[in-house]
Amino acid sequence: MGAADAVPGVSGGTIAFVTGIYEELIHTIKQFGPSAFTAWRQGGMPMLVAHLNLGFIIPLMAGIAGSLITVAHLVVWLMDDYPLLLNGFFFGLVAASALVVGRHPSDWKWWHLLPLVAGLLLAHSLPAVMPLITLIGSPDLMLIVGGAIAISALLLPGVSGSFLLLTMGLYGTVMQGIRTFDFGLIAVFGVGCLIGLFFFSRLLSWLLRRHHAATLQLLVGFIVGSLPVLWPWRELVRYQLGPEGQMIPLDYRYLTPGDFAMLTGESAQLLAVAALMLVGLALVLLLDRTGRGPATASTPKGANKEEASDA
């Protein structure tokens, strides 16, 4: 999840979905709030550990944080030197994720196409409105708002927090802060992430418990809607400059490999890109096969924990 979150266009939430931990993750994040204090008062540390599901969330967060720190350098290098290969791998990964997540549950209805279309439209329109964040003016406030929005990548499959940061003009700033251990910047950005996690996890948890099948279709729409951003052969046709002079992509023209080679005069690397697409596809199918378990059932472990806690 940390490696995926470091790449613009890829969502750590997609990885959580494929590995079967998504719903437990959402319900676990929701437990971090006033109810945790009540659990501690009633049963001390053992009940608090159980209430917060720390055996699940601590290893997961450690993996994400470690990967973000170590992968940040690698991702910047790959994006600069091998963008076609990187996008090809993640295109295959995300496309296969849409197929895996899009399997119709037993309670699927025809009207679930509506949230599917809504997810597609939202995924397509979000990057276009993100540059408005630059109008805030205050760098610290921009980081807080950007963090609250970007953390949706952890919670929404198909929505890339890194890509949203890129469209907000904050990606370079945040990645540089992570690479150089700028704790002041990381702390301000982290406040925004905590705000986003607190409110949005509660909304998603409620939707998954009350409207499970429809919410899954909404998430599939987000995943499918993110695919154009990862198409390797594309031409930037519209952009704007951010507050620090960085280029913020707004619109692309999608090309065939042959047209891309003619337009740029560079190799389309068709065989290598296609091979990496297949690698991404195979990886997702393997993760799906090995990751199926109680967390992917219609009644997630996190929901049971939450119901017991509420009782």
Protein backbone atom coordinates (compact mmCIF):
# COMPACT_ATOMS: atom_id res chain seq x y z
CA MET A 1 0.00 0.00 0.00
CA GLY A 2 2.83 2.41 0.78
CA ALA A 3 4.55 1.71 -2.54
CA ALA A 4 1.29 2.27 -4.43
CA ASP A 5 0.56 5.50 -2.53
CA ALA A 6 3.92 6.90 -3.60
CA VAL A 7 3.00 6.66 -7.31
CA PRO A 8 0.72 9.32 -8.85
CA GLY A 9 -2.25 7.52 -10.37
CA VAL A 10 -2.20 4.48 -8.09
CA SER A 11 -4.20 3.96 -4.90
CA GLY A 12 -3.12 2.12 -1.79
CA GLY A 13 -6.83 1.45 -1.23
CA THR A 14 -6.82 -0.71 -4.37
CA ILE A 15 -4.09 -2.88 -2.86
CA ALA A 16 -6.08 -3.15 0.38
CA PHE A 17 -9.13 -4.25 -1.59
CA VAL A 18 -7.29 -6.90 -3.58
CA THR A 19 -5.58 -8.36 -0.51
CA GLY A 20 -8.90 -8.65 1.33
CA ILE A 21 -8.23 -6.23 4.19
CA TYR A 22 -10.19 -3.21 2.94
CA GLU A 23 -13.34 -3.40 5.04
CA GLU A 24 -11.47 -4.34 8.21
CA LEU A 25 -9.20 -1.35 7.57
CA ILE A 26 -12.14 1.06 7.25
CA HIS A 27 -13.91 -0.20 10.37
CA THR A 28 -10.63 -0.22 12.34
CA ILE A 29 -9.80 3.40 11.46
CA LYS A 30 -13.30 4.40 12.55
CA GLN A 31 -12.59 3.03 16.04
CA PHE A 32 -9.99 5.77 16.65
CA GLY A 33 -12.12 8.40 18.34
CA PRO A 34 -14.02 9.15 21.57
CA SER A 35 -15.18 5.51 21.78
CA ALA A 36 -11.55 4.46 22.37
CA PHE A 37 -11.49 6.47 25.64
CA THR A 38 -14.69 4.76 26.76
CA ALA A 39 -13.20 1.33 26.00
CA TRP A 40 -10.08 2.19 28.01
CA ARG A 41 -12.15 3.34 31.01
CA GLN A 42 -14.26 0.18 30.96
CA GLY A 43 -11.56 -2.45 30.46
CA GLY A 44 -8.16 -0.82 30.66
CA MET A 45 -5.36 -1.46 28.19
CA PRO A 46 -6.52 -4.97 27.07
CA MET A 47 -9.93 -3.66 25.98
CA LEU A 48 -8.34 -0.63 24.31
CA VAL A 49 -5.99 -2.86 22.29
CA ALA A 50 -8.93 -5.02 21.20
CA HIS A 51 -11.14 -2.00 20.48
CA LEU A 52 -8.51 -0.36 18.25
CA ASN A 53 -7.54 -3.68 16.62
CA LEU A 54 -3.89 -2.76 17.18
CA GLY A 55 -2.65 -6.22 16.17
CA PHE A 56 -3.90 -5.39 12.68
CA ILE A 57 -3.29 -1.66 12.31
CA ILE A 58 0.23 -1.32 13.79
CA PRO A 59 1.98 -3.75 11.39
CA LEU A 60 0.00 -2.27 8.49
CA MET A 61 0.93 1.33 9.29
CA ALA A 62 4.56 0.35 9.89
CA GLY A 63 4.67 -1.26 6.45
CA ILE A 64 3.09 1.78 4.80
CA ALA A 65 5.40 4.26 6.54
CA GLY A 66 8.53 2.21 5.85
CA SER A 67 7.61 1.75 2.21
CA LEU A 68 6.83 5.45 1.71
CA ILE A 69 10.24 6.40 3.06
CA THR A 70 12.22 3.78 1.12
CA VAL A 71 10.20 3.88 -2.11
CA ALA A 72 10.14 7.69 -2.40
CA HIS A 73 13.63 7.78 -3.94
CA LEU A 74 12.97 4.82 -6.24
CA VAL A 75 9.65 6.21 -7.50
CA VAL A 76 11.11 9.61 -8.38
CA TRP A 77 13.86 7.87 -10.37
CA LEU A 78 11.45 5.53 -12.17
CA MET A 79 9.02 8.36 -12.99
CA ASP A 80 11.84 10.39 -14.52
CA ASP A 81 13.71 7.63 -16.39
CA TYR A 82 11.16 4.87 -17.08
CA PRO A 83 7.66 6.44 -17.07
CA LEU A 84 6.22 4.12 -19.74
CA LEU A 85 7.30 0.96 -17.94
CA LEU A 86 6.10 2.23 -14.55
CA ASN A 87 2.69 3.26 -15.92
CA GLY A 88 2.37 -0.01 -17.85
CA PHE A 89 2.89 -2.09 -14.70
CA PHE A 90 0.37 -0.11 -12.67
CA PHE A 91 -2.14 0.02 -15.54
CA GLY A 92 -2.21 -3.78 -15.57
CA LEU A 93 -2.42 -3.90 -11.80
CA VAL A 94 -5.32 -1.43 -11.52
CA ALA A 95 -7.23 -2.89 -14.51
CA ALA A 96 -7.08 -6.35 -12.96
CA SER A 97 -8.16 -4.86 -9.62
CA ALA A 98 -11.32 -3.49 -11.26
CA LEU A 99 -12.14 -6.98 -12.54
CA VAL A 100 -11.52 -8.57 -9.13
CA VAL A 101 -13.47 -6.00 -7.12
CA GLY A 102 -16.23 -5.72 -9.74
CA ARG A 103 -17.53 -9.24 -9.26
CA HIS A 104 -21.21 -8.89 -8.55
CA PRO A 105 -22.15 -9.81 -4.98
CA SER A 106 -25.18 -12.00 -4.33
CA ASP A 107 -27.35 -9.00 -3.49
CA TRP A 108 -26.46 -7.03 -6.65
CA LYS A 109 -29.34 -5.10 -8.24
CA TRP A 110 -29.62 -3.33 -11.59
CA TRP A 111 -29.79 0.08 -9.91
CA HIS A 112 -26.28 -0.49 -8.54
CA LEU A 113 -25.16 0.73 -11.95
CA LEU A 114 -25.97 4.24 -10.68
CA PRO A 115 -23.24 4.33 -7.99
CA LEU A 116 -20.88 2.67 -10.51
CA VAL A 117 -21.43 5.56 -12.94
CA ALA A 118 -21.18 8.08 -10.08
CA GLY A 119 -17.78 6.65 -9.14
CA LEU A 120 -16.61 6.92 -12.75
CA LEU A 121 -17.69 10.58 -12.99
CA LEU A 122 -16.16 11.52 -9.64
CA ALA A 123 -12.84 9.85 -10.46
CA HIS A 124 -12.76 11.75 -13.76
CA SER A 125 -13.72 15.15 -12.33
CA LEU A 126 -11.70 15.23 -9.08
CA PRO A 127 -8.30 16.07 -10.64
CA ALA A 128 -9.84 18.96 -12.59
CA VAL A 129 -11.03 20.76 -9.44
CA MET A 130 -7.94 20.08 -7.29
CA PRO A 131 -5.93 23.07 -8.66
CA LEU A 132 -8.47 25.32 -6.90
CA ILE A 133 -6.64 24.44 -3.66
CA THR A 134 -3.88 26.83 -4.73
CA LEU A 135 -6.32 29.71 -4.18
CA ILE A 136 -6.12 29.16 -0.40
CA GLY A 137 -2.82 31.05 -0.31
CA SER A 138 -1.44 29.94 3.07
CA PRO A 139 1.14 27.14 2.54
CA ASP A 140 0.35 25.48 5.88
CA LEU A 141 -3.40 25.56 5.27
CA MET A 142 -2.84 24.16 1.77
CA LEU A 143 -0.88 21.28 3.28
CA ILE A 144 -3.64 20.56 5.81
CA VAL A 145 -6.41 20.63 3.19
CA GLY A 146 -4.22 18.67 0.78
CA GLY A 147 -3.52 16.03 3.41
CA ALA A 148 -7.21 15.67 4.26
CA ILE A 149 -8.05 15.15 0.57
CA ALA A 150 -5.07 12.98 -0.33
CA ILE A 151 -5.69 10.52 2.49
CA SER A 152 -8.72 9.42 0.48
CA ALA A 153 -6.21 7.29 -1.44
CA LEU A 154 -5.94 5.11 1.65
CA LEU A 155 -9.72 4.82 1.87
CA LEU A 156 -10.92 4.94 -1.77
CA PRO A 157 -9.66 2.34 -4.24
CA GLY A 158 -8.86 3.96 -7.57
CA VAL A 159 -8.33 7.44 -6.19
CA SER A 160 -4.62 8.24 -6.03
CA GLY A 161 -3.63 10.57 -3.22
CA SER A 162 -0.29 11.17 -4.94
CA PHE A 163 -2.02 12.17 -8.18
CA LEU A 164 -4.39 14.50 -6.30
CA LEU A 165 -1.36 16.04 -4.60
CA LEU A 166 0.21 16.45 -8.05
CA THR A 167 -2.86 18.27 -9.37
CA MET A 168 -2.88 20.44 -6.24
CA GLY A 169 0.78 21.33 -6.82
CA LEU A 170 1.82 19.74 -3.52
CA TYR A 171 3.34 16.42 -4.65
CA GLY A 172 6.91 17.68 -5.02
CA THR A 173 6.74 19.56 -1.72
CA VAL A 174 5.44 16.56 0.25
CA MET A 175 7.78 14.00 -1.34
CA GLN A 176 10.76 16.28 -0.78
CA GLY A 177 9.71 16.71 2.85
CA ILE A 178 9.53 12.92 3.27
CA ARG A 179 12.91 12.36 1.61
CA THR A 180 14.65 15.05 3.70
CA PHE A 181 12.79 14.25 6.94
CA ASP A 182 11.31 17.76 7.23
CA PHE A 183 9.38 17.01 10.42
CA GLY A 184 7.65 20.40 10.49
CA LEU A 185 6.17 19.91 7.04
CA ILE A 186 5.34 16.26 7.76
CA ALA A 187 3.56 17.27 10.98
CA VAL A 188 1.39 19.90 9.23
CA PHE A 189 0.55 17.49 6.43
CA GLY A 190 -0.14 14.76 9.01
CA VAL A 191 -2.71 16.95 10.79
CA GLY A 192 -4.66 17.17 7.53
CA CYS A 193 -4.41 13.40 7.05
CA LEU A 194 -5.76 12.78 10.57
CA ILE A 195 -8.70 15.12 9.94
CA GLY A 196 -9.52 13.35 6.69
CA LEU A 197 -9.21 9.90 8.26
CA PHE A 198 -11.43 10.81 11.21
CA PHE A 199 -14.39 12.06 9.19
CA PHE A 200 -14.18 10.07 5.97
CA SER A 201 -13.64 6.68 7.63
CA ARG A 202 -16.90 7.16 9.53
CA LEU A 203 -18.80 7.95 6.33
CA LEU A 204 -17.36 4.93 4.51
CA SER A 205 -17.95 2.62 7.46
CA TRP A 206 -21.60 3.68 7.59
CA LEU A 207 -22.02 3.19 3.84
CA LEU A 208 -20.44 -0.28 3.93
CA ARG A 209 -22.69 -1.38 6.79
CA ARG A 210 -25.93 0.09 5.41
CA HIS A 211 -25.43 -0.10 1.62
CA HIS A 212 -22.72 -2.70 1.11
CA ALA A 213 -23.28 -3.76 -2.52
CA ALA A 214 -23.95 -0.22 -3.77
CA THR A 215 -20.83 1.09 -2.02
CA LEU A 216 -18.71 -1.64 -3.61
CA GLN A 217 -19.99 -0.63 -7.04
CA LEU A 218 -19.15 3.02 -6.27
CA LEU A 219 -15.60 1.92 -5.43
CA VAL A 220 -15.36 -0.07 -8.67
CA GLY A 221 -16.32 3.12 -10.51
CA PHE A 222 -13.44 4.94 -8.82
CA ILE A 223 -11.01 2.20 -9.86
CA VAL A 224 -12.12 2.13 -13.51
CA GLY A 225 -12.18 5.93 -13.64
CA SER A 226 -8.53 6.06 -12.60
CA LEU A 227 -7.30 3.93 -15.53
CA PRO A 228 -6.86 6.76 -18.11
CA VAL A 229 -4.39 8.48 -15.78
CA LEU A 230 -2.15 5.40 -16.02
CA TRP A 231 -2.31 4.84 -19.80
CA PRO A 232 1.39 4.84 -20.77
CA TRP A 233 1.08 6.43 -24.21
CA ARG A 234 -0.44 9.87 -23.75
CA GLU A 235 0.28 13.51 -24.56
CA LEU A 236 -0.19 16.36 -22.10
CA VAL A 237 -2.44 18.91 -23.82
CA ARG A 238 -3.41 21.19 -20.93
CA TYR A 239 -1.63 22.15 -17.75
CA GLN A 240 -1.08 25.02 -15.35
CA LEU A 241 1.82 26.13 -13.21
CA GLY A 242 1.60 25.71 -9.47
CA PRO A 243 2.66 28.26 -6.84
CA GLU A 244 6.24 26.96 -6.95
CA GLY A 245 6.42 26.86 -10.75
CA GLN A 246 5.77 23.11 -11.02
CA MET A 247 3.66 21.77 -13.86
CA ILE A 248 0.18 20.54 -12.86
CA PRO A 249 -1.37 18.25 -15.53
CA LEU A 250 -5.01 18.96 -16.33
CA ASP A 251 -5.80 17.04 -19.52
CA TYR A 252 -4.20 14.38 -21.74
CA ARG A 253 -4.66 13.06 -25.26
CA TYR A 254 -4.49 9.27 -25.27
CA LEU A 255 -2.50 7.69 -28.11
CA THR A 256 -1.74 4.32 -29.63
CA PRO A 257 1.85 3.10 -29.22
CA GLY A 258 2.50 3.84 -32.90
CA ASP A 259 1.14 7.39 -32.69
CA PHE A 260 3.15 7.99 -29.53
CA ALA A 261 6.38 6.92 -31.27
CA MET A 262 5.63 9.14 -34.29
CA LEU A 263 4.74 12.14 -32.14
CA THR A 264 7.66 11.96 -29.71
CA GLY A 265 10.31 10.32 -31.88
CA GLU A 266 10.97 7.92 -29.02
CA SER A 267 10.41 4.19 -28.75
CA ALA A 268 6.98 3.16 -27.46
CA GLN A 269 8.63 0.15 -25.72
CA LEU A 270 5.53 -1.82 -26.64
CA LEU A 271 6.80 -5.31 -25.76
CA ALA A 272 8.30 -4.23 -22.42
CA VAL A 273 5.22 -2.22 -21.43
CA ALA A 274 2.85 -5.04 -22.45
CA ALA A 275 4.93 -7.54 -20.48
CA LEU A 276 4.76 -5.35 -17.37
CA MET A 277 1.00 -4.93 -17.81
CA LEU A 278 0.71 -8.72 -17.74
CA VAL A 279 2.96 -8.85 -14.66
CA GLY A 280 0.64 -6.39 -12.88
CA LEU A 281 -2.38 -8.42 -13.96
CA ALA A 282 -0.85 -11.69 -12.74
CA LEU A 283 0.20 -10.15 -9.43
CA VAL A 284 -3.35 -8.97 -8.68
CA LEU A 285 -4.87 -12.34 -9.56
CA LEU A 286 -2.31 -14.06 -7.32
CA LEU A 287 -3.04 -11.65 -4.45
CA ASP A 288 -6.76 -12.19 -4.94
CA ARG A 289 -6.39 -15.96 -4.75
CA THR A 290 -4.18 -15.91 -1.64
CA GLY A 291 -5.97 -12.98 0.04
CA ARG A 292 -9.51 -14.36 0.10
CA GLY A 293 -10.71 -14.99 3.61
CA PRO A 294 -13.06 -13.73 6.35
CA ALA A 295 -12.20 -10.08 5.62
CA THR A 296 -13.65 -10.36 2.10
CA ALA A 297 -16.93 -11.87 3.17
CA SER A 298 -20.13 -9.83 3.16
CA THR A 299 -19.87 -9.38 6.94
CA PRO A 300 -16.36 -7.99 7.57
CA LYS A 301 -14.40 -8.66 10.73
CA GLY A 302 -14.26 -4.97 11.50
CA ALA A 303 -18.07 -4.73 11.42
CA ASN A 304 -18.44 -7.55 13.93
CA LYS A 305 -15.93 -5.90 16.22
CA GLU A 306 -17.74 -2.61 15.94
CA GLU A 307 -21.14 -4.14 16.67
CA ALA A 308 -19.73 -5.87 19.75
CA SER A 309 -18.19 -2.61 20.90
CA ASP A 310 -21.44 -0.72 20.39
CA ALA A 311 -23.30 -3.38 22.35
